């Protein structure tokens, strides 16, 4: 079957929707470094709520991009890691975050210019 993201019913749009989510990009970026526990992710991704982090991890796990491992400790330890499929996205995620950091000044200037003329 041939896929075309420009066709409304194409299932590839589900992937684009997931990757267009800032929280998914940030989680994948953190997991690229090493497997991480839930609370560590929450601490390292400033501004993310527990609920949103939990929802994001579940979606990424469902898509096969993140794995969840439970360890029988007291209390139970849960660790998240990037999967081999998720690893295929790491350079793309890194490039996107790097672009945002390198170009934010130009974007902010463009927004101010637009807002002044509107």
Protein backbone atom coordinates (compact mmCIF):
# COMPACT_ATOMS: atom_id res chain seq x y z
CA UNK A 1 0.00 0.00 0.00
CA UNK A 2 1.21 3.49 -0.81
CA UNK A 3 0.79 6.23 1.78
CA UNK A 4 0.31 9.94 1.13
CA UNK A 5 0.26 12.33 4.09
CA UNK A 6 -1.62 14.87 2.00
CA UNK A 7 -4.69 12.62 1.78
CA UNK A 8 -7.03 13.21 4.72
CA UNK A 9 -7.66 9.54 5.44
CA UNK A 10 -4.01 8.46 5.28
CA UNK A 11 -2.99 6.79 8.55
CA UNK A 12 0.40 8.51 8.42
CA UNK A 13 -1.36 11.62 9.69
CA UNK A 14 -1.66 9.89 13.05
CA UNK A 15 2.12 9.77 13.26
CA UNK A 16 2.43 13.41 12.23
CA UNK A 17 -0.14 14.35 14.85
CA UNK A 18 1.87 12.58 17.53
CA UNK A 19 5.15 14.14 16.47
CA UNK A 20 3.64 17.60 16.19
CA UNK A 21 2.96 17.46 19.94
CA UNK A 22 5.63 19.42 21.84
CA UNK A 23 5.45 17.07 24.82
CA UNK A 24 6.11 14.01 22.66
CA UNK A 25 9.13 15.71 21.10
CA UNK A 26 10.49 16.66 24.53
CA UNK A 27 9.92 13.18 25.99
CA UNK A 28 11.60 11.49 23.02
CA UNK A 29 14.52 13.92 23.32
CA UNK A 30 15.03 13.04 26.99
CA UNK A 31 14.69 9.30 26.42
CA UNK A 32 17.30 9.45 23.68
CA UNK A 33 19.91 10.06 26.37
CA UNK A 34 19.08 7.01 28.53
CA UNK A 35 16.17 5.09 30.09
CA UNK A 36 14.43 7.34 32.61
CA UNK A 37 11.97 6.94 35.45
CA UNK A 38 8.64 8.77 35.37
CA UNK A 39 9.44 11.27 38.13
CA UNK A 40 12.83 12.06 36.63
CA UNK A 41 11.14 12.86 33.31
CA UNK A 42 8.65 15.06 35.12
CA UNK A 43 11.48 16.95 36.83
CA UNK A 44 13.52 17.35 33.66
CA UNK A 45 10.69 18.54 31.38
CA UNK A 46 9.74 21.84 32.94
CA UNK A 47 6.05 22.64 32.80
CA UNK A 48 4.67 19.20 32.02
CA UNK A 49 1.96 17.97 34.37
CA UNK A 50 1.83 14.44 35.72
CA UNK A 51 -1.37 13.78 33.76
CA UNK A 52 0.03 15.04 30.45
CA UNK A 53 3.29 13.14 30.92
CA UNK A 54 1.38 9.95 31.65
CA UNK A 55 -0.85 10.43 28.59
CA UNK A 56 2.11 11.24 26.37
CA UNK A 57 4.07 8.18 27.50
CA UNK A 58 1.06 5.91 26.92
CA UNK A 59 0.57 7.27 23.38
CA UNK A 60 4.26 6.89 22.56
CA UNK A 61 4.25 3.36 23.98
CA UNK A 62 1.16 2.49 21.93
CA UNK A 63 2.89 3.78 18.79
CA UNK A 64 5.93 1.60 19.52
CA UNK A 65 8.28 4.53 20.10
CA UNK A 66 8.74 4.04 23.86
CA UNK A 67 8.93 0.95 26.05
CA UNK A 68 7.84 0.69 29.67
CA UNK A 69 9.62 -1.63 32.10
CA UNK A 70 8.31 -2.41 35.58
CA UNK A 71 10.72 -3.58 38.27
CA UNK A 72 9.55 -5.46 41.37
CA UNK A 73 10.96 -3.12 43.98
CA UNK A 74 9.34 -1.45 46.96
CA UNK A 75 7.89 0.84 45.81
CA UNK A 76 7.54 -0.45 42.25
CA UNK A 77 9.98 1.17 39.83
CA UNK A 78 8.84 2.04 36.31
CA UNK A 79 11.37 3.01 33.68
CA UNK A 80 10.80 4.29 30.16
CA UNK A 81 13.18 3.85 27.24
CA UNK A 82 13.22 4.64 23.59
CA UNK A 83 12.62 1.64 21.32
CA UNK A 84 14.52 0.80 18.13
CA UNK A 85 11.64 2.35 16.16
CA UNK A 86 11.78 5.45 18.35
CA UNK A 87 15.54 5.58 17.86
CA UNK A 88 14.93 6.13 14.12
CA UNK A 89 13.42 9.50 15.10
CA UNK A 90 16.17 10.74 17.40
CA UNK A 91 18.12 12.69 14.80
CA UNK A 92 14.90 14.29 13.54
CA UNK A 93 13.80 15.25 17.06
CA UNK A 94 17.27 16.61 17.86
CA UNK A 95 17.31 18.64 14.64
CA UNK A 96 13.87 20.07 15.38
CA UNK A 97 14.73 21.10 18.93
CA UNK A 98 18.08 22.51 17.83
CA UNK A 99 16.36 24.50 15.05
CA UNK A 100 13.88 25.93 17.58
CA UNK A 101 16.66 27.00 19.94
CA UNK A 102 18.79 28.50 17.16
CA UNK A 103 15.96 30.36 15.41
CA UNK A 104 13.69 31.55 18.22
CA UNK A 105 15.02 35.12 18.02
CA UNK A 106 14.19 35.35 14.32
CA UNK A 107 10.73 33.88 14.93
CA UNK A 108 10.03 36.34 17.76
CA UNK A 109 11.18 39.25 15.58
CA UNK A 110 8.94 38.09 12.73
CA UNK A 111 5.98 37.82 15.10
CA UNK A 112 6.59 41.34 16.44
CA UNK A 113 6.87 42.72 12.91
CA UNK A 114 3.67 40.97 11.87
CA UNK A 115 1.81 42.15 14.99
CA UNK A 116 2.88 45.76 14.42
CA UNK A 117 1.60 45.71 10.84
CA UNK A 118 -1.68 43.95 11.64
